[in-house]
Amino acid sequence: MGWPSNYPDPEDNDRRITETSSHAPPPQTGIIKDFKVGFTLAVKNFLSFSLAMLGILLVSMVLLVVILLVVIVPVLITLGLPFLIWLVESIVSGFSETSGLYLVMLVLFLIIPLLSPFFIALGALFGMSREIVESDGTYAESAFSWYGKRGLSLLGGGLIHVLITLAPIIIAFLSISYPVWNPPTDAELEIIIPLIVVWIILINGMLSLTFPGIIDGLPAIRAAAKSVRLTCQFPGRVLGAWFIIVVIIGVPLLPIFNELAFLWRPFLPSSFLEPYTPLVILALVFVVIPAVSIILTRIYMILTAKVDATYTQGGGE
């Protein structure tokens, strides 16, 4: 099914004209509207999204099992069970007994393939979100149609996210593990870990419009490039929304971060949100994630319309 236009509905066209006028409201007004529309439509289409999420998770788990079999069975046949046992033990025993290059190869050839079904599943949600933004409604089965329409491109978009995010971290890891493992001190980690967190948040914010671009028909690389370009042109709209998304998703997960952030005092007591963990997980999966996909899709469509309109007006002068 081809998409008729990148342009939003008439209400958003009015917003686009208003935002570019001399009496435009502050930039935050656009972001507030994005989140209001995103969560409203996510709740309105709760049943469709919930059924789609359940189906997508089931399909993703099946694909994950298939990938595991494709990876593990050849290893068992060619190298035998002792090698597989040694591999697991070497990972558990710690980094000091495993070369940096080996761990990097492990990430690239084992972990990333295992994530691939979830890249496509996440991208399929953006396909549903596109339908919702354009028509205020969707069907659960439409999520599965995106597996066939954009499956490989969505996989490519997910790989771009992961590889660009991990590239500097892998380089830094190799630099401290060659020729021998030389782990950083706690004082160094207090600087390194915040830098890694800032990098992960910032780069994924700049790439946050990649999936909407792929749904729009762009190849993965061009969609990622367009996401970065739109972010540079409209940093307040894209990164402002992304930072809010990070806070919305991050706050309920703070107890988990407390366990990982062993160098600092906990942000929140681990018992603070623990009683509500099941409810929080359900809300994140069935409401927040669909709302985020709608928000980012809406932002992509509005900013694309702005750029196209500006280009058209400029060409006509």
Protein backbone atom coordinates (compact mmCIF):
# COMPACT_ATOMS: atom_id res chain seq x y z
CA MET A 1 0.00 0.00 0.00
CA GLY A 2 1.53 3.29 -1.07
CA TRP A 3 1.32 6.35 1.12
CA PRO A 4 -0.44 9.28 -0.55
CA SER A 5 1.56 12.08 0.99
CA ASN A 6 4.06 13.08 3.62
CA TYR A 7 1.83 15.92 4.70
CA PRO A 8 -0.17 15.80 7.93
CA ASP A 9 -3.90 16.36 8.19
CA PRO A 10 -5.46 19.85 7.94
CA GLU A 11 -5.10 20.50 11.67
CA ASP A 12 -1.37 19.94 11.42
CA ASN A 13 -1.18 22.07 8.29
CA ASP A 14 -2.67 24.90 10.30
CA ARG A 15 -0.08 24.26 12.99
CA ARG A 16 2.68 24.28 10.38
CA ILE A 17 1.55 27.67 9.07
CA THR A 18 1.20 29.03 12.58
CA GLU A 19 4.63 27.83 13.66
CA THR A 20 6.29 29.56 10.71
CA SER A 21 4.44 32.87 11.15
CA SER A 22 5.80 35.94 12.91
CA HIS A 23 3.39 35.32 15.82
CA ALA A 24 4.38 31.69 16.28
CA PRO A 25 4.12 30.21 19.77
CA PRO A 26 7.26 29.03 21.52
CA PRO A 27 8.80 25.76 20.25
CA GLN A 28 7.60 23.88 23.33
CA THR A 29 4.02 24.25 22.10
CA GLY A 30 4.74 21.92 19.19
CA ILE A 31 6.33 19.33 21.45
CA ILE A 32 3.43 19.47 23.90
CA LYS A 33 1.00 18.89 21.01
CA ASP A 34 3.13 16.00 19.75
CA PHE A 35 2.89 14.22 23.10
CA LYS A 36 -0.78 15.03 23.58
CA VAL A 37 -1.66 13.61 20.16
CA GLY A 38 0.70 10.64 20.61
CA PHE A 39 -0.72 9.44 23.91
CA THR A 40 -4.31 10.23 22.90
CA LEU A 41 -4.06 8.14 19.75
CA ALA A 42 -2.17 5.36 21.57
CA VAL A 43 -4.98 5.07 24.14
CA LYS A 44 -7.65 5.38 21.43
CA ASN A 45 -6.05 2.50 19.50
CA PHE A 46 -5.10 0.55 22.63
CA LEU A 47 -6.79 -2.69 21.54
CA SER A 48 -5.19 -2.72 18.07
CA PHE A 49 -1.76 -1.92 19.49
CA SER A 50 -2.11 -4.49 22.28
CA LEU A 51 -3.05 -7.29 19.90
CA ALA A 52 -0.29 -6.22 17.53
CA MET A 53 2.27 -6.10 20.36
CA LEU A 54 1.32 -9.60 21.54
CA GLY A 55 1.54 -10.95 18.02
CA ILE A 56 4.79 -9.15 17.30
CA LEU A 57 6.37 -10.41 20.53
CA LEU A 58 5.29 -13.96 19.70
CA VAL A 59 6.68 -13.75 16.16
CA SER A 60 9.89 -12.16 17.46
CA MET A 61 10.37 -14.95 20.00
CA VAL A 62 9.83 -17.58 17.29
CA LEU A 63 12.37 -15.84 15.05
CA LEU A 64 14.75 -15.61 18.00
CA VAL A 65 14.51 -19.35 18.57
CA VAL A 66 15.12 -19.96 14.86
CA ILE A 67 18.19 -17.72 14.91
CA LEU A 68 19.49 -19.46 18.02
CA LEU A 69 19.11 -22.81 16.30
CA VAL A 70 20.82 -21.49 13.17
CA VAL A 71 23.74 -20.21 15.28
CA ILE A 72 24.05 -22.97 17.88
CA VAL A 73 23.38 -26.08 15.79
CA PRO A 74 26.26 -25.44 13.31
CA VAL A 75 28.59 -24.73 16.26
CA LEU A 76 27.60 -28.01 17.90
CA ILE A 77 28.04 -29.92 14.65
CA THR A 78 31.38 -28.39 13.65
CA LEU A 79 33.05 -27.64 16.99
CA GLY A 80 31.19 -29.86 19.42
CA LEU A 81 29.58 -29.38 22.81
CA PRO A 82 32.92 -28.90 24.69
CA PHE A 83 33.65 -25.75 22.67
CA LEU A 84 30.20 -24.33 23.47
CA ILE A 85 30.72 -25.05 27.17
CA TRP A 86 34.16 -23.42 27.05
CA LEU A 87 32.65 -20.38 25.28
CA VAL A 88 30.05 -19.88 28.01
CA GLU A 89 32.61 -20.39 30.77
CA SER A 90 35.03 -17.92 29.20
CA ILE A 91 32.31 -15.26 29.10
CA VAL A 92 31.27 -15.90 32.70
CA SER A 93 34.85 -16.03 33.99
CA GLY A 94 35.42 -12.37 33.21
CA PHE A 95 37.06 -10.04 30.73
CA SER A 96 40.54 -10.64 32.09
CA GLU A 97 40.67 -14.07 30.51
CA THR A 98 39.12 -13.06 27.19
CA SER A 99 40.72 -10.93 24.52
CA GLY A 100 39.06 -7.65 23.59
CA LEU A 101 38.84 -8.59 19.92
CA TYR A 102 37.14 -11.85 20.83
CA LEU A 103 34.48 -10.03 22.85
CA VAL A 104 33.88 -7.56 20.03
CA MET A 105 33.40 -10.42 17.58
CA LEU A 106 31.04 -12.04 20.08
CA VAL A 107 28.89 -8.89 20.15
CA LEU A 108 28.86 -8.50 16.38
CA PHE A 109 28.16 -12.11 15.44
CA LEU A 110 26.00 -13.33 18.31
CA ILE A 111 24.23 -10.53 20.14
CA ILE A 112 23.30 -8.38 17.13
CA PRO A 113 21.68 -11.27 15.19
CA LEU A 114 19.65 -12.09 18.29
CA LEU A 115 18.34 -8.52 18.34
CA SER A 116 17.36 -8.51 14.66
CA PRO A 117 13.76 -9.79 15.14
CA PHE A 118 13.10 -7.00 17.60
CA PHE A 119 14.40 -4.36 15.15
CA ILE A 120 11.78 -5.46 12.62
CA ALA A 121 9.09 -5.67 15.31
CA LEU A 122 9.81 -2.13 16.47
CA GLY A 123 9.76 -0.89 12.90
CA ALA A 124 6.38 -2.55 12.31
CA LEU A 125 4.93 -0.43 15.11
CA PHE A 126 6.04 2.67 13.22
CA GLY A 127 4.10 1.38 10.23
CA MET A 128 0.97 1.20 12.36
CA SER A 129 1.72 4.65 13.72
CA ARG A 130 1.93 6.04 10.20
CA GLU A 131 -1.54 4.69 9.49
CA ILE A 132 -2.86 6.14 12.77
CA VAL A 133 -1.40 9.61 12.16
CA GLU A 134 -2.86 9.70 8.67
CA SER A 135 -6.28 8.19 9.41
CA ASP A 136 -6.68 8.10 13.24
CA GLY A 137 -7.00 4.31 13.13
CA THR A 138 -5.28 1.03 12.31
CA TYR A 139 -5.71 -2.73 12.55
CA ALA A 140 -3.59 -5.18 14.50
CA GLU A 141 -2.89 -7.32 11.43
CA SER A 142 -1.39 -4.35 9.58
CA ALA A 143 1.69 -4.64 11.79
CA PHE A 144 2.54 -7.98 10.20
CA SER A 145 2.23 -6.58 6.69
CA TRP A 146 5.22 -4.36 7.42
CA TYR A 147 7.39 -7.44 7.93
CA GLY A 148 7.06 -8.13 4.22
CA LYS A 149 6.98 -4.52 3.02
CA ARG A 150 9.94 -3.10 4.88
CA GLY A 151 11.42 -6.05 6.80
CA LEU A 152 14.99 -5.86 5.47
CA SER A 153 15.10 -2.06 5.58
CA LEU A 154 13.82 -2.06 9.18
CA LEU A 155 16.49 -4.61 10.06
CA GLY A 156 19.07 -2.37 8.43
CA GLY A 157 17.79 0.62 10.39
CA GLY A 158 18.14 -1.27 13.65
CA LEU A 159 21.67 -2.37 12.76
CA ILE A 160 22.60 1.23 11.95
CA HIS A 161 21.38 2.30 15.39
CA VAL A 162 23.36 -0.43 17.15
CA LEU A 163 26.57 -0.12 15.14
CA ILE A 164 26.77 3.68 15.35
CA THR A 165 25.97 3.54 19.05
CA LEU A 166 28.54 0.84 19.78
CA ALA A 167 31.32 1.97 17.42
CA PRO A 168 33.11 4.42 19.78
CA ILE A 169 32.48 2.13 22.75
CA ILE A 170 34.05 -0.82 20.88
CA ILE A 171 37.04 1.30 19.85
CA ALA A 172 37.53 2.43 23.44
CA PHE A 173 37.19 -1.15 24.65
CA LEU A 174 39.80 -2.40 22.20
CA SER A 175 42.17 0.38 23.22
CA ILE A 176 42.15 -0.76 26.85
CA SER A 177 42.25 -4.47 26.05
CA TYR A 178 45.19 -4.52 23.62
CA PRO A 179 47.75 -5.94 23.99
CA VAL A 180 46.62 -6.90 27.51
CA TRP A 181 43.45 -6.23 29.46
CA ASN A 182 43.91 -3.02 31.44
CA PRO A 183 40.58 -2.22 33.10
CA PRO A 184 39.85 1.41 34.07
CA THR A 185 39.84 2.43 37.69
CA ASP A 186 36.71 3.50 39.56
CA ALA A 187 37.76 7.13 39.20
CA GLU A 188 38.04 6.72 35.45
CA LEU A 189 34.71 4.91 35.27
CA GLU A 190 33.04 7.84 37.00
CA ILE A 191 33.96 9.87 33.91
CA ILE A 192 33.61 7.16 31.26
CA ILE A 193 30.14 5.87 32.20
CA PRO A 194 28.40 9.30 32.11
CA LEU A 195 30.05 10.00 28.74
CA ILE A 196 28.78 6.67 27.41
CA VAL A 197 25.26 7.42 28.66
CA VAL A 198 25.30 10.89 27.06
CA TRP A 199 26.58 9.42 23.78
CA ILE A 200 23.90 6.70 23.70
CA ILE A 201 21.09 9.17 24.40
CA LEU A 202 22.34 11.83 21.98
CA ILE A 203 23.16 9.59 19.00
CA ASN A 204 19.90 7.64 19.27
CA GLY A 205 18.05 10.94 19.51
CA MET A 206 19.65 12.05 16.24
CA LEU A 207 18.66 8.70 14.68
CA SER A 208 15.19 8.64 16.24
CA LEU A 209 13.46 9.46 12.92
CA THR A 210 15.14 6.61 11.04
CA PHE A 211 12.23 4.17 11.33
CA PRO A 212 9.60 6.74 10.24
CA GLY A 213 11.82 7.46 7.23
CA ILE A 214 12.01 3.76 6.35
CA ILE A 215 8.22 3.46 6.62
CA ASP A 216 8.08 6.46 4.28
CA GLY A 217 9.87 4.36 1.66
CA LEU A 218 13.50 5.38 2.14
CA PRO A 219 16.37 2.84 2.30
CA ALA A 220 17.86 2.42 5.76
CA ILE A 221 21.00 4.50 5.14
CA ARG A 222 19.09 7.36 3.52
CA ALA A 223 16.51 7.28 6.31
CA ALA A 224 19.26 7.52 8.94
CA ALA A 225 20.91 10.39 7.04
CA LYS A 226 17.58 12.20 6.78
CA SER A 227 16.99 11.71 10.51
CA VAL A 228 20.33 13.34 11.31
CA ARG A 229 19.63 16.14 8.82
CA LEU A 230 16.20 16.90 10.30
CA THR A 231 17.68 16.84 13.79
CA CYS A 232 20.31 19.39 12.77
CA GLN A 233 17.65 21.58 11.14
CA PHE A 234 15.14 21.30 14.01
CA PRO A 235 17.16 20.31 17.11
CA GLY A 236 14.63 21.71 19.55
CA ARG A 237 11.73 19.73 18.11
CA VAL A 238 13.55 16.41 17.64
CA LEU A 239 15.98 16.30 20.57
CA GLY A 240 13.53 18.08 22.88
CA ALA A 241 10.96 15.36 22.27
CA TRP A 242 13.62 12.65 22.52
CA PHE A 243 14.87 13.84 25.91
CA ILE A 244 11.30 13.83 27.23
CA ILE A 245 10.89 10.29 25.92
CA VAL A 246 14.10 9.24 27.67
CA VAL A 247 12.80 10.67 30.95
CA ILE A 248 9.37 9.02 30.58
CA ILE A 249 10.91 5.61 29.89
CA GLY A 250 13.94 6.05 32.14
CA VAL A 251 12.26 7.05 35.40
CA PRO A 252 10.34 3.76 35.83
CA LEU A 253 13.57 1.88 35.09
CA LEU A 254 15.64 3.77 37.68
CA PRO A 255 15.63 0.85 40.17
CA ILE A 256 17.37 -1.27 37.51
CA PHE A 257 19.86 1.53 36.83
CA ASN A 258 20.52 1.72 40.56
CA GLU A 259 21.77 -1.86 40.46
CA LEU A 260 24.09 -1.02 37.54
CA ALA A 261 25.30 2.37 38.78
CA PHE A 262 27.43 0.85 41.50
CA LEU A 263 29.74 3.86 41.66
CA TRP A 264 27.13 6.33 42.87
CA ARG A 265 24.39 6.56 45.41
CA PRO A 266 21.08 5.21 44.10
CA PHE A 267 18.85 7.75 42.35
CA LEU A 268 15.82 6.15 43.99
CA PRO A 269 15.53 3.40 46.59
CA SER A 270 15.09 0.07 44.83
CA SER A 271 11.93 -0.55 46.85
CA PHE A 272 10.31 2.71 45.71
CA LEU A 273 8.89 1.44 42.40
CA GLU A 274 9.30 -2.30 42.99
CA PRO A 275 5.66 -2.94 44.03
CA TYR A 276 4.51 -1.34 40.78
CA THR A 277 6.98 -3.13 38.47
CA PRO A 278 4.42 -5.35 36.66
CA LEU A 279 2.09 -2.40 36.09
CA VAL A 280 4.96 -0.22 34.90
CA ILE A 281 6.15 -2.86 32.41
CA LEU A 282 2.64 -3.29 31.01
CA ALA A 283 2.22 0.47 30.67
CA LEU A 284 5.58 0.82 28.92
CA VAL A 285 4.91 -2.01 26.46
CA PHE A 286 1.27 -1.36 25.61
CA VAL A 287 0.94 2.43 26.00
CA VAL A 288 4.25 4.29 26.16
CA ILE A 289 6.07 2.51 23.31
CA PRO A 290 3.11 2.87 20.91
CA ALA A 291 2.75 6.53 21.93
CA VAL A 292 6.46 7.12 21.31
CA SER A 293 6.20 5.61 17.82
CA ILE A 294 3.24 7.90 17.05
CA ILE A 295 5.06 10.95 18.42
CA LEU A 296 8.19 10.35 16.36
CA THR A 297 6.15 9.53 13.25
CA ARG A 298 4.16 12.75 13.65
CA ILE A 299 7.32 14.81 14.13
CA TYR A 300 8.88 13.22 11.04
CA MET A 301 5.83 13.98 8.91
CA ILE A 302 5.53 17.60 10.08
CA LEU A 303 9.23 18.37 9.66
CA THR A 304 9.33 16.65 6.27
CA ALA A 305 6.34 18.76 5.20
CA LYS A 306 8.14 21.90 6.38
CA VAL A 307 11.31 21.06 4.48
CA ASP A 308 9.38 20.11 1.33
CA ALA A 309 7.31 23.30 1.49
CA THR A 310 10.40 25.45 1.99
CA TYR A 311 12.20 23.73 -0.88
CA THR A 312 9.17 24.15 -3.17
CA GLN A 313 8.79 27.84 -2.31
CA GLY A 314 12.51 28.41 -2.74
CA GLY A 315 12.49 26.69 -6.13
CA GLY A 316 9.62 28.83 -7.29
CA GLU A 317 11.29 32.12 -6.51
